[in-house]
N, C-alpha and C. Protein backbone atom coordinates (compact mmCIF):
# COMPACT_ATOMS: atom_id res chain seq x y z
N MET A 1 -40.23 103.65 186.31
CA MET A 1 -39.32 102.96 187.09
C MET A 1 -38.54 103.92 187.92
N ASP A 2 -39.00 104.08 189.21
CA ASP A 2 -38.50 105.08 190.11
C ASP A 2 -36.89 104.99 190.39
N LEU A 3 -36.41 103.70 190.45
CA LEU A 3 -35.00 103.55 190.65
C LEU A 3 -34.21 104.26 189.58
N LEU A 4 -34.53 104.17 188.38
CA LEU A 4 -33.94 104.63 187.13
C LEU A 4 -34.07 106.20 187.17
N LYS A 5 -35.28 106.73 187.47
CA LYS A 5 -35.45 108.17 187.58
C LYS A 5 -34.62 108.80 188.52
N GLU A 6 -34.50 108.17 189.69
CA GLU A 6 -33.73 108.72 190.73
C GLU A 6 -32.25 108.78 190.43
N ARG A 7 -31.82 107.75 189.67
CA ARG A 7 -30.43 107.74 189.23
C ARG A 7 -30.17 108.75 188.22
N ILE A 8 -31.10 108.97 187.23
CA ILE A 8 -30.95 109.91 186.31
C ILE A 8 -30.82 111.38 186.91
N ARG A 9 -31.68 111.60 187.93
CA ARG A 9 -31.67 112.92 188.52
C ARG A 9 -30.31 113.13 189.29
N ARG A 10 -29.93 112.07 189.96
CA ARG A 10 -28.67 112.19 190.85
C ARG A 10 -27.35 112.22 189.97
N ASP A 11 -27.11 111.39 188.93
CA ASP A 11 -25.92 111.29 188.27
C ASP A 11 -26.04 111.69 186.74
N GLY A 12 -27.17 112.00 186.23
CA GLY A 12 -27.24 112.44 184.80
C GLY A 12 -26.85 113.91 184.77
N THR A 13 -26.36 114.25 183.62
CA THR A 13 -25.77 115.74 183.32
C THR A 13 -26.62 116.22 182.08
N ILE A 14 -27.23 117.36 182.11
CA ILE A 14 -27.93 117.88 181.01
C ILE A 14 -26.98 118.87 180.30
N LYS A 15 -26.68 118.58 178.87
CA LYS A 15 -25.82 119.47 178.04
C LYS A 15 -26.73 120.28 177.12
N LYS A 16 -26.22 121.30 176.65
CA LYS A 16 -26.88 122.05 175.66
C LYS A 16 -27.30 121.28 174.44
N GLY A 17 -28.40 121.60 173.79
CA GLY A 17 -28.82 120.82 172.63
C GLY A 17 -29.63 119.58 172.99
N ASN A 18 -30.29 119.59 174.13
CA ASN A 18 -31.13 118.52 174.66
C ASN A 18 -30.39 117.19 174.79
N VAL A 19 -29.13 117.25 175.26
CA VAL A 19 -28.27 116.13 175.41
C VAL A 19 -28.37 115.70 176.96
N LEU A 20 -28.74 114.48 177.22
CA LEU A 20 -28.73 114.01 178.52
C LEU A 20 -27.61 112.93 178.69
N LYS A 21 -26.56 113.30 179.47
CA LYS A 21 -25.41 112.35 179.67
C LYS A 21 -25.72 111.45 180.78
N VAL A 22 -25.82 110.09 180.64
CA VAL A 22 -25.83 109.15 181.75
C VAL A 22 -24.77 108.10 181.61
N ASP A 23 -23.69 108.63 181.24
CA ASP A 23 -22.55 107.64 180.86
C ASP A 23 -21.74 107.12 182.16
N SER A 24 -22.12 107.68 183.36
CA SER A 24 -21.60 107.18 184.56
C SER A 24 -22.23 105.92 185.11
N PHE A 25 -23.44 105.60 184.55
CA PHE A 25 -24.10 104.49 184.95
C PHE A 25 -24.80 103.58 183.91
N LEU A 26 -25.01 104.16 182.66
CA LEU A 26 -25.89 103.43 181.66
C LEU A 26 -25.13 103.03 180.35
N ASN A 27 -24.33 104.10 179.77
CA ASN A 27 -23.88 103.79 178.40
C ASN A 27 -22.30 104.02 178.20
N HIS A 28 -21.59 104.16 179.25
CA HIS A 28 -20.17 104.12 179.11
C HIS A 28 -19.63 103.21 180.27
N GLN A 29 -19.77 103.70 181.52
CA GLN A 29 -19.60 102.94 182.66
C GLN A 29 -21.09 102.38 182.89
N MET A 30 -21.15 101.09 183.27
CA MET A 30 -22.47 100.44 183.47
C MET A 30 -22.64 99.96 185.00
N ASP A 31 -23.82 100.36 185.52
CA ASP A 31 -24.12 99.86 186.94
C ASP A 31 -24.88 98.60 186.63
N ILE A 32 -24.25 97.37 186.90
CA ILE A 32 -24.86 96.09 186.63
C ILE A 32 -26.12 95.86 187.48
N GLY A 33 -25.97 96.24 188.75
CA GLY A 33 -27.21 96.13 189.68
C GLY A 33 -28.42 96.83 188.94
N LEU A 34 -28.18 98.06 188.50
CA LEU A 34 -29.32 98.85 187.88
C LEU A 34 -29.78 98.17 186.58
N MET A 35 -28.72 97.67 185.86
CA MET A 35 -28.99 96.96 184.47
C MET A 35 -29.87 95.69 184.80
N ASN A 36 -29.55 94.95 185.91
CA ASN A 36 -30.40 93.84 186.28
C ASN A 36 -31.79 94.17 186.53
N GLU A 37 -32.06 95.23 187.23
CA GLU A 37 -33.41 95.82 187.48
C GLU A 37 -34.17 96.25 186.17
N ILE A 38 -33.31 96.80 185.37
CA ILE A 38 -33.87 97.23 184.02
C ILE A 38 -34.33 95.81 183.26
N GLY A 39 -33.48 94.79 183.22
CA GLY A 39 -33.81 93.55 182.57
C GLY A 39 -35.07 92.98 183.10
N LYS A 40 -35.14 92.93 184.50
CA LYS A 40 -36.44 92.34 185.07
C LYS A 40 -37.66 93.22 184.68
N GLU A 41 -37.51 94.52 184.65
CA GLU A 41 -38.70 95.32 184.23
C GLU A 41 -39.15 95.07 182.82
N PHE A 42 -38.18 94.98 181.94
CA PHE A 42 -38.58 94.63 180.52
C PHE A 42 -39.14 93.33 180.44
N LYS A 43 -38.66 92.38 181.19
CA LYS A 43 -39.30 90.99 181.16
C LYS A 43 -40.68 91.11 181.65
N ARG A 44 -40.94 91.85 182.69
CA ARG A 44 -42.29 92.02 183.17
C ARG A 44 -43.18 92.74 182.18
N ARG A 45 -42.66 93.71 181.54
CA ARG A 45 -43.46 94.54 180.53
C ARG A 45 -43.84 93.67 179.25
N PHE A 46 -42.96 92.78 178.99
CA PHE A 46 -43.10 92.03 177.72
C PHE A 46 -43.45 90.55 178.02
N GLU A 47 -43.94 90.31 179.21
CA GLU A 47 -44.26 88.89 179.69
C GLU A 47 -45.33 88.24 178.74
N GLY A 48 -45.16 87.06 178.37
CA GLY A 48 -46.14 86.40 177.51
C GLY A 48 -45.87 86.60 176.03
N LYS A 49 -44.93 87.45 175.64
CA LYS A 49 -44.61 87.60 174.29
C LYS A 49 -43.67 86.52 173.81
N ASN A 50 -43.89 86.04 172.54
CA ASN A 50 -43.04 84.96 171.96
C ASN A 50 -41.81 85.50 171.47
N ILE A 51 -40.75 85.87 172.23
CA ILE A 51 -39.57 86.52 171.83
C ILE A 51 -38.45 85.48 171.63
N THR A 52 -37.92 85.46 170.35
CA THR A 52 -36.87 84.48 170.07
C THR A 52 -35.49 85.23 170.04
N LYS A 53 -35.49 86.53 169.78
CA LYS A 53 -34.23 87.32 169.71
C LYS A 53 -34.37 88.70 170.21
N ILE A 54 -33.31 89.25 170.70
CA ILE A 54 -33.23 90.72 171.04
C ILE A 54 -32.41 91.35 169.96
N LEU A 55 -32.85 92.49 169.47
CA LEU A 55 -32.09 93.28 168.51
C LEU A 55 -31.81 94.66 169.08
N THR A 56 -30.50 95.05 168.84
CA THR A 56 -30.11 96.35 169.19
C THR A 56 -29.15 96.89 168.29
N ILE A 57 -28.67 98.13 168.49
CA ILE A 57 -27.59 98.70 167.60
C ILE A 57 -26.42 99.04 168.49
N GLU A 58 -25.24 98.93 167.77
CA GLU A 58 -23.99 99.20 168.46
C GLU A 58 -23.93 100.68 168.67
N ALA A 59 -23.30 101.20 169.77
CA ALA A 59 -22.58 100.36 170.72
C ALA A 59 -23.36 100.43 172.08
N SER A 60 -24.10 101.50 172.38
CA SER A 60 -24.64 101.68 173.82
C SER A 60 -25.77 100.68 174.09
N GLY A 61 -26.46 100.18 173.18
CA GLY A 61 -27.53 99.25 173.34
C GLY A 61 -27.13 97.86 173.74
N ILE A 62 -25.80 97.52 173.40
CA ILE A 62 -25.38 96.12 173.47
C ILE A 62 -25.44 95.63 174.91
N GLY A 63 -24.79 96.35 175.83
CA GLY A 63 -24.81 95.89 177.21
C GLY A 63 -26.12 95.71 177.86
N ILE A 64 -27.04 96.62 177.58
CA ILE A 64 -28.45 96.66 178.04
C ILE A 64 -29.09 95.31 177.43
N ALA A 65 -28.99 95.16 176.17
CA ALA A 65 -29.66 94.14 175.47
C ALA A 65 -29.23 92.86 176.04
N CYS A 66 -27.91 92.64 176.41
CA CYS A 66 -27.44 91.38 176.83
C CYS A 66 -28.03 91.09 178.23
N ILE A 67 -28.25 92.04 179.11
CA ILE A 67 -28.82 91.88 180.37
C ILE A 67 -30.24 91.45 180.11
N VAL A 68 -30.92 92.15 179.31
CA VAL A 68 -32.45 91.86 179.07
C VAL A 68 -32.49 90.42 178.52
N ALA A 69 -31.60 90.04 177.53
CA ALA A 69 -31.65 88.64 176.98
C ALA A 69 -31.59 87.57 178.00
N GLN A 70 -30.83 87.79 179.10
CA GLN A 70 -30.66 86.71 180.07
C GLN A 70 -32.07 86.41 180.64
N TYR A 71 -33.00 87.38 180.66
CA TYR A 71 -34.32 87.19 181.29
C TYR A 71 -35.28 86.54 180.39
N PHE A 72 -35.07 86.65 179.00
CA PHE A 72 -35.73 85.92 178.07
C PHE A 72 -35.22 84.61 177.48
N ASN A 73 -33.86 84.54 177.95
CA ASN A 73 -33.07 83.31 177.55
C ASN A 73 -33.00 83.13 175.98
N VAL A 74 -32.72 84.26 175.36
CA VAL A 74 -32.64 84.34 173.93
C VAL A 74 -31.22 85.03 173.54
N PRO A 75 -30.96 84.86 172.25
CA PRO A 75 -29.65 85.56 171.86
C PRO A 75 -29.93 86.97 171.50
N VAL A 76 -28.77 87.76 171.51
CA VAL A 76 -28.89 89.19 171.12
C VAL A 76 -28.14 89.27 169.72
N VAL A 77 -28.79 90.03 168.84
CA VAL A 77 -28.16 90.37 167.63
C VAL A 77 -28.12 91.87 167.71
N PHE A 78 -26.87 92.45 167.30
CA PHE A 78 -26.71 93.92 167.12
C PHE A 78 -26.32 94.32 165.78
N ALA A 79 -26.98 95.35 165.30
CA ALA A 79 -26.79 96.05 164.05
C ALA A 79 -25.37 96.71 164.20
N LYS A 80 -24.63 96.52 163.24
CA LYS A 80 -23.23 97.05 163.04
C LYS A 80 -23.17 98.38 162.27
N LYS A 81 -22.45 99.35 162.72
CA LYS A 81 -22.49 100.58 161.98
C LYS A 81 -21.36 100.70 160.99
N THR A 82 -20.54 99.62 160.94
CA THR A 82 -19.43 99.64 159.86
C THR A 82 -19.39 98.21 159.33
N GLN A 83 -19.00 98.20 158.01
CA GLN A 83 -18.71 96.94 157.36
C GLN A 83 -17.47 96.37 157.92
N SER A 84 -17.45 95.12 158.13
CA SER A 84 -16.36 94.32 158.75
C SER A 84 -16.00 93.14 157.86
N ILE A 85 -14.70 92.80 157.78
CA ILE A 85 -14.28 91.64 157.13
C ILE A 85 -14.82 90.35 157.97
N ASN A 86 -15.21 90.50 159.05
CA ASN A 86 -15.74 89.40 159.82
C ASN A 86 -17.16 89.05 159.46
N ILE A 87 -17.88 89.87 158.78
CA ILE A 87 -19.25 89.59 158.30
C ILE A 87 -19.15 89.00 156.94
N ASP A 88 -19.59 87.71 156.80
CA ASP A 88 -19.50 87.14 155.59
C ASP A 88 -20.81 86.78 155.08
N GLY A 89 -21.00 86.79 153.71
CA GLY A 89 -22.31 86.54 153.13
C GLY A 89 -23.23 87.78 153.02
N GLU A 90 -24.48 87.56 152.85
CA GLU A 90 -25.39 88.70 152.57
C GLU A 90 -25.88 89.29 153.88
N VAL A 91 -26.24 90.71 153.76
CA VAL A 91 -26.65 91.33 154.95
C VAL A 91 -27.96 92.15 154.71
N TYR A 92 -28.66 92.43 155.67
CA TYR A 92 -29.73 93.51 155.62
C TYR A 92 -29.04 94.79 155.92
N SER A 93 -29.46 95.87 155.22
CA SER A 93 -28.83 97.19 155.50
C SER A 93 -29.80 98.20 155.45
N THR A 94 -29.50 99.32 156.16
CA THR A 94 -30.31 100.51 156.12
C THR A 94 -29.43 101.71 156.61
N LYS A 95 -29.92 102.87 156.39
CA LYS A 95 -29.26 104.13 156.81
C LYS A 95 -29.97 104.73 158.10
N ILE A 96 -29.13 105.05 159.02
CA ILE A 96 -29.65 105.70 160.35
C ILE A 96 -28.92 106.91 160.60
N GLU A 97 -29.65 107.95 161.01
CA GLU A 97 -28.99 109.18 161.35
C GLU A 97 -28.96 109.21 162.90
N SER A 98 -27.84 109.46 163.53
CA SER A 98 -27.70 109.47 164.93
C SER A 98 -27.88 110.96 165.47
N PHE A 99 -28.77 110.96 166.40
CA PHE A 99 -29.18 112.36 167.00
C PHE A 99 -27.84 112.85 167.79
N THR A 100 -27.14 111.94 168.54
CA THR A 100 -26.07 112.31 169.39
C THR A 100 -24.90 112.77 168.47
N HIS A 101 -24.57 111.95 167.40
CA HIS A 101 -23.38 112.09 166.67
C HIS A 101 -23.51 113.02 165.49
N LYS A 102 -24.87 113.35 165.14
CA LYS A 102 -25.13 114.13 164.00
C LYS A 102 -24.39 113.52 162.73
N LYS A 103 -24.60 112.21 162.51
CA LYS A 103 -23.99 111.46 161.49
C LYS A 103 -24.86 110.42 160.90
N VAL A 104 -24.85 110.13 159.60
CA VAL A 104 -25.62 109.07 159.03
C VAL A 104 -24.67 107.84 158.89
N TYR A 105 -25.25 106.68 159.45
CA TYR A 105 -24.52 105.40 159.38
C TYR A 105 -25.20 104.48 158.44
N ASP A 106 -24.40 103.73 157.81
CA ASP A 106 -24.83 102.52 157.08
C ASP A 106 -24.84 101.42 158.13
N VAL A 107 -25.95 100.85 158.35
CA VAL A 107 -26.12 99.90 159.47
C VAL A 107 -26.46 98.40 158.79
N ILE A 108 -25.73 97.45 159.31
CA ILE A 108 -26.05 96.12 158.71
C ILE A 108 -26.17 95.09 159.79
N VAL A 109 -26.83 93.93 159.36
CA VAL A 109 -27.05 92.74 160.11
C VAL A 109 -26.93 91.63 159.19
N SER A 110 -26.09 90.55 159.50
CA SER A 110 -26.02 89.46 158.71
C SER A 110 -27.23 88.65 158.58
N LYS A 111 -27.61 88.36 157.29
CA LYS A 111 -28.92 87.60 157.06
C LYS A 111 -28.89 86.27 157.77
N ARG A 112 -27.77 85.77 158.24
CA ARG A 112 -27.65 84.50 158.98
C ARG A 112 -28.38 84.63 160.32
N PHE A 113 -28.51 85.87 160.91
CA PHE A 113 -29.01 86.01 162.30
C PHE A 113 -30.41 86.50 162.35
N LEU A 114 -31.09 86.78 161.31
CA LEU A 114 -32.49 87.28 161.36
C LEU A 114 -33.23 86.45 160.23
N SER A 115 -34.41 85.97 160.56
CA SER A 115 -35.26 85.42 159.52
C SER A 115 -36.76 85.60 159.74
N GLU A 116 -37.57 85.11 158.92
CA GLU A 116 -39.05 85.30 159.06
C GLU A 116 -39.64 84.47 160.24
N GLU A 117 -38.81 83.46 160.82
CA GLU A 117 -39.26 82.74 161.95
C GLU A 117 -39.05 83.44 163.18
N ASP A 118 -38.26 84.57 163.26
CA ASP A 118 -37.89 85.31 164.46
C ASP A 118 -38.93 86.28 164.91
N HIS A 119 -39.18 86.23 166.19
CA HIS A 119 -40.00 87.20 166.98
C HIS A 119 -39.11 88.01 167.83
N VAL A 120 -38.99 89.39 167.46
CA VAL A 120 -37.95 90.21 167.95
C VAL A 120 -38.35 91.22 168.93
N LEU A 121 -37.66 91.42 169.95
CA LEU A 121 -37.80 92.48 170.85
C LEU A 121 -36.63 93.47 170.70
N ILE A 122 -36.89 94.73 170.26
CA ILE A 122 -35.81 95.68 170.07
C ILE A 122 -35.54 96.36 171.44
N ILE A 123 -34.28 96.50 171.84
CA ILE A 123 -33.89 97.16 173.10
C ILE A 123 -32.80 98.20 172.68
N ASP A 124 -32.99 99.50 173.22
CA ASP A 124 -31.97 100.51 173.07
C ASP A 124 -31.92 101.39 174.45
N ASP A 125 -30.99 102.13 174.47
CA ASP A 125 -30.67 103.02 175.72
C ASP A 125 -31.58 104.23 175.60
N PHE A 126 -31.68 104.94 174.43
CA PHE A 126 -32.33 106.11 174.27
C PHE A 126 -33.19 106.14 173.07
N LEU A 127 -34.24 106.99 173.13
CA LEU A 127 -35.14 107.22 172.00
C LEU A 127 -35.36 108.69 172.00
N ALA A 128 -34.96 109.43 170.83
CA ALA A 128 -35.18 110.78 170.67
C ALA A 128 -36.07 111.08 169.49
N ASN A 129 -35.46 111.10 168.26
CA ASN A 129 -36.33 111.41 167.10
C ASN A 129 -36.73 110.11 166.42
N GLY A 130 -36.27 108.88 166.92
CA GLY A 130 -36.76 107.65 166.34
C GLY A 130 -35.93 107.10 165.21
N CYS A 131 -34.96 107.79 164.66
CA CYS A 131 -34.23 107.28 163.50
C CYS A 131 -33.64 105.88 163.66
N ALA A 132 -33.06 105.67 164.75
CA ALA A 132 -32.40 104.28 165.01
C ALA A 132 -33.42 103.24 164.96
N LEU A 133 -34.57 103.44 165.70
CA LEU A 133 -35.58 102.55 165.75
C LEU A 133 -36.22 102.20 164.35
N LEU A 134 -36.50 103.34 163.55
CA LEU A 134 -36.96 103.10 162.23
C LEU A 134 -36.03 102.34 161.36
N GLY A 135 -34.77 102.56 161.57
CA GLY A 135 -33.84 101.73 160.80
C GLY A 135 -33.77 100.32 161.14
N LEU A 136 -33.91 100.01 162.49
CA LEU A 136 -33.97 98.63 162.94
C LEU A 136 -35.20 97.91 162.50
N LEU A 137 -36.45 98.80 162.48
CA LEU A 137 -37.64 98.22 161.95
C LEU A 137 -37.57 97.78 160.55
N ASP A 138 -36.87 98.66 159.80
CA ASP A 138 -36.60 98.44 158.25
C ASP A 138 -35.86 97.15 158.14
N ILE A 139 -34.85 96.86 158.86
CA ILE A 139 -34.08 95.68 158.78
C ILE A 139 -35.03 94.45 159.15
N LEU A 140 -35.81 94.58 160.18
CA LEU A 140 -36.71 93.42 160.56
C LEU A 140 -37.81 93.15 159.51
N ASN A 141 -38.16 94.31 158.82
CA ASN A 141 -39.11 94.11 157.79
C ASN A 141 -38.50 93.46 156.61
N SER A 142 -37.27 93.80 156.22
CA SER A 142 -36.53 93.03 155.12
C SER A 142 -36.38 91.65 155.53
N ALA A 143 -36.15 91.25 156.76
CA ALA A 143 -35.98 89.94 157.14
C ALA A 143 -37.29 89.15 157.19
N GLY A 144 -38.46 89.78 157.24
CA GLY A 144 -39.70 89.14 157.42
C GLY A 144 -39.97 88.80 158.76
N ALA A 145 -39.20 89.28 159.78
CA ALA A 145 -39.33 88.95 161.20
C ALA A 145 -40.52 89.66 161.80
N THR A 146 -41.05 89.09 162.94
CA THR A 146 -42.15 89.69 163.58
C THR A 146 -41.66 90.60 164.74
N VAL A 147 -42.12 91.80 164.79
CA VAL A 147 -41.76 92.79 165.88
C VAL A 147 -42.67 92.56 167.04
N GLU A 148 -42.11 92.13 168.11
CA GLU A 148 -43.01 91.80 169.40
C GLU A 148 -43.13 93.11 170.23
N GLY A 149 -42.10 94.00 170.10
CA GLY A 149 -42.17 95.23 170.89
C GLY A 149 -40.81 95.94 170.87
N ILE A 150 -40.80 97.13 171.56
CA ILE A 150 -39.62 97.84 171.69
C ILE A 150 -39.44 98.26 173.16
N GLY A 151 -38.33 98.12 173.73
CA GLY A 151 -38.05 98.48 175.10
C GLY A 151 -36.87 99.60 175.12
N ILE A 152 -37.30 100.71 175.64
CA ILE A 152 -36.22 101.88 175.71
C ILE A 152 -36.06 102.25 177.12
N VAL A 153 -34.75 102.43 177.41
CA VAL A 153 -34.44 102.84 178.83
C VAL A 153 -34.91 104.18 179.10
N ILE A 154 -34.41 105.26 178.29
CA ILE A 154 -34.81 106.64 178.46
C ILE A 154 -35.41 107.17 177.07
N GLU A 155 -36.64 107.67 177.21
CA GLU A 155 -37.14 108.36 176.07
C GLU A 155 -37.31 109.82 176.30
N LYS A 156 -36.89 110.61 175.37
CA LYS A 156 -37.14 112.14 175.35
C LYS A 156 -38.49 112.33 174.77
N GLY A 157 -39.49 112.45 175.71
CA GLY A 157 -40.79 112.69 175.40
C GLY A 157 -41.14 113.96 174.61
N PHE A 158 -40.22 114.94 174.72
CA PHE A 158 -40.40 116.27 174.10
C PHE A 158 -39.99 116.17 172.66
N GLN A 159 -39.39 115.04 172.14
CA GLN A 159 -39.07 114.84 170.72
C GLN A 159 -40.13 113.90 170.27
N ASP A 160 -40.18 113.70 168.87
CA ASP A 160 -41.35 112.98 168.23
C ASP A 160 -41.10 111.57 168.06
N GLY A 161 -39.96 111.01 168.37
CA GLY A 161 -39.66 109.53 168.05
C GLY A 161 -40.59 108.58 168.72
N GLY A 162 -40.97 108.86 169.94
CA GLY A 162 -41.92 107.88 170.63
C GLY A 162 -43.29 107.98 170.02
N GLU A 163 -43.77 109.13 169.70
CA GLU A 163 -45.05 109.32 169.12
C GLU A 163 -45.17 108.57 167.70
N ARG A 164 -43.99 108.82 166.97
CA ARG A 164 -43.92 108.28 165.54
C ARG A 164 -44.14 106.67 165.68
N ILE A 165 -43.39 106.05 166.66
CA ILE A 165 -43.43 104.62 166.82
C ILE A 165 -44.76 104.10 167.31
N ARG A 166 -45.33 104.84 168.32
CA ARG A 166 -46.66 104.40 168.91
C ARG A 166 -47.69 104.42 167.83
N GLN A 167 -47.60 105.47 166.85
CA GLN A 167 -48.55 105.54 165.80
C GLN A 167 -48.50 104.37 164.90
N MET A 168 -47.43 103.65 164.89
CA MET A 168 -47.26 102.40 164.02
C MET A 168 -48.01 101.15 164.73
N GLY A 169 -48.57 101.36 165.94
CA GLY A 169 -49.19 100.20 166.62
C GLY A 169 -48.29 99.22 167.23
N ILE A 170 -46.97 99.60 167.36
CA ILE A 170 -45.97 98.65 168.11
C ILE A 170 -45.96 99.07 169.60
N GLN A 171 -45.89 97.97 170.33
CA GLN A 171 -45.86 98.09 171.79
C GLN A 171 -44.47 98.73 172.05
N LEU A 172 -44.44 99.96 172.56
CA LEU A 172 -43.23 100.65 172.97
C LEU A 172 -43.29 100.92 174.44
N GLU A 173 -42.26 100.35 175.23
CA GLU A 173 -42.12 100.56 176.62
C GLU A 173 -40.97 101.26 176.98
N SER A 174 -41.09 102.57 177.42
CA SER A 174 -39.97 103.38 177.92
C SER A 174 -39.98 103.41 179.44
N LEU A 175 -38.89 103.12 180.08
CA LEU A 175 -38.79 103.13 181.54
C LEU A 175 -38.78 104.41 182.15
N ALA A 176 -38.37 105.44 181.52
CA ALA A 176 -38.25 106.71 182.00
C ALA A 176 -38.54 107.61 180.78
N ILE A 177 -39.61 108.43 180.87
CA ILE A 177 -39.84 109.40 179.75
C ILE A 177 -39.56 110.80 180.27
N VAL A 178 -38.58 111.51 179.71
CA VAL A 178 -38.32 112.79 180.12
C VAL A 178 -39.22 113.86 179.28
N GLU A 179 -39.97 114.59 180.00
CA GLU A 179 -40.92 115.61 179.42
C GLU A 179 -40.10 116.89 179.12
N SER A 180 -39.17 117.25 179.99
CA SER A 180 -38.44 118.43 179.67
C SER A 180 -37.09 118.41 180.59
N MET A 181 -36.17 119.11 180.07
CA MET A 181 -34.86 119.33 180.67
C MET A 181 -34.34 120.79 180.58
N ASP A 182 -33.72 121.26 181.66
CA ASP A 182 -33.20 122.58 181.58
C ASP A 182 -31.78 122.57 181.96
N ASP A 183 -30.99 122.90 180.97
CA ASP A 183 -29.49 122.70 181.12
C ASP A 183 -28.93 123.78 182.09
N GLU A 184 -29.60 124.88 182.18
CA GLU A 184 -29.14 125.99 183.07
C GLU A 184 -29.33 125.67 184.46
N LYS A 185 -30.62 125.11 184.76
CA LYS A 185 -30.94 124.76 186.09
C LYS A 185 -30.61 123.48 186.47
N GLY A 186 -30.36 122.53 185.46
CA GLY A 186 -30.03 121.21 185.87
C GLY A 186 -31.25 120.38 186.27
N THR A 187 -32.41 120.79 185.75
CA THR A 187 -33.66 120.06 186.25
C THR A 187 -34.18 119.09 185.15
N ILE A 188 -34.79 118.07 185.58
CA ILE A 188 -35.50 117.14 184.64
C ILE A 188 -36.93 116.97 185.17
N VAL A 189 -37.84 117.00 184.26
CA VAL A 189 -39.28 116.61 184.62
C VAL A 189 -39.65 115.38 183.80
N PHE A 190 -40.11 114.34 184.56
CA PHE A 190 -40.56 113.07 183.83
C PHE A 190 -42.01 113.09 183.61
N ARG A 191 -42.48 112.33 182.64
CA ARG A 191 -43.88 112.19 182.42
C ARG A 191 -44.61 111.71 183.58
N GLY A 192 -45.77 112.31 183.85
CA GLY A 192 -46.49 111.87 185.01
C GLY A 192 -46.23 112.55 186.27
N GLU A 193 -45.26 113.49 186.21
CA GLU A 193 -44.95 114.28 187.47
C GLU A 193 -45.66 115.70 187.50
């Protein structure tokens, strides 16, 4: 998706430790025009799939998932990283290690919102080592739901998360795959360039 790649090059910032900051347009402040184009692209890439729900994880994936859900006309469910008094009843739970925060989270989804009848599209902003996706897949497996695919806005192709997911036979669509980043030069190379 050329529009996204251009925006990453123009407004993204590369930090030490393979961190790509895109908070000015994707996951802190959000460019809704760009988000709409991302939603349309995911709709195109998963056209014909029987999707009944979008699943993401708090917090950065929520806004993106909501825009995407409009194109599929389905609800969004997001996995919470903290137990809340607002969640009543039984939950699906798993542990997820965050690449960005270097922390392990207990992640939960109420059993009221996922079942074996659901056909789910997972949406998230980044894919690095794949821990978040593996955790969400674990929750979907516990629910007996069908995974229809995974949509990622930015994949770090130089880390193994994408390869791990693709080896599972799941349709994984990443809109921009970063092959390499140089924090000193401020350069980014995308797959296929």
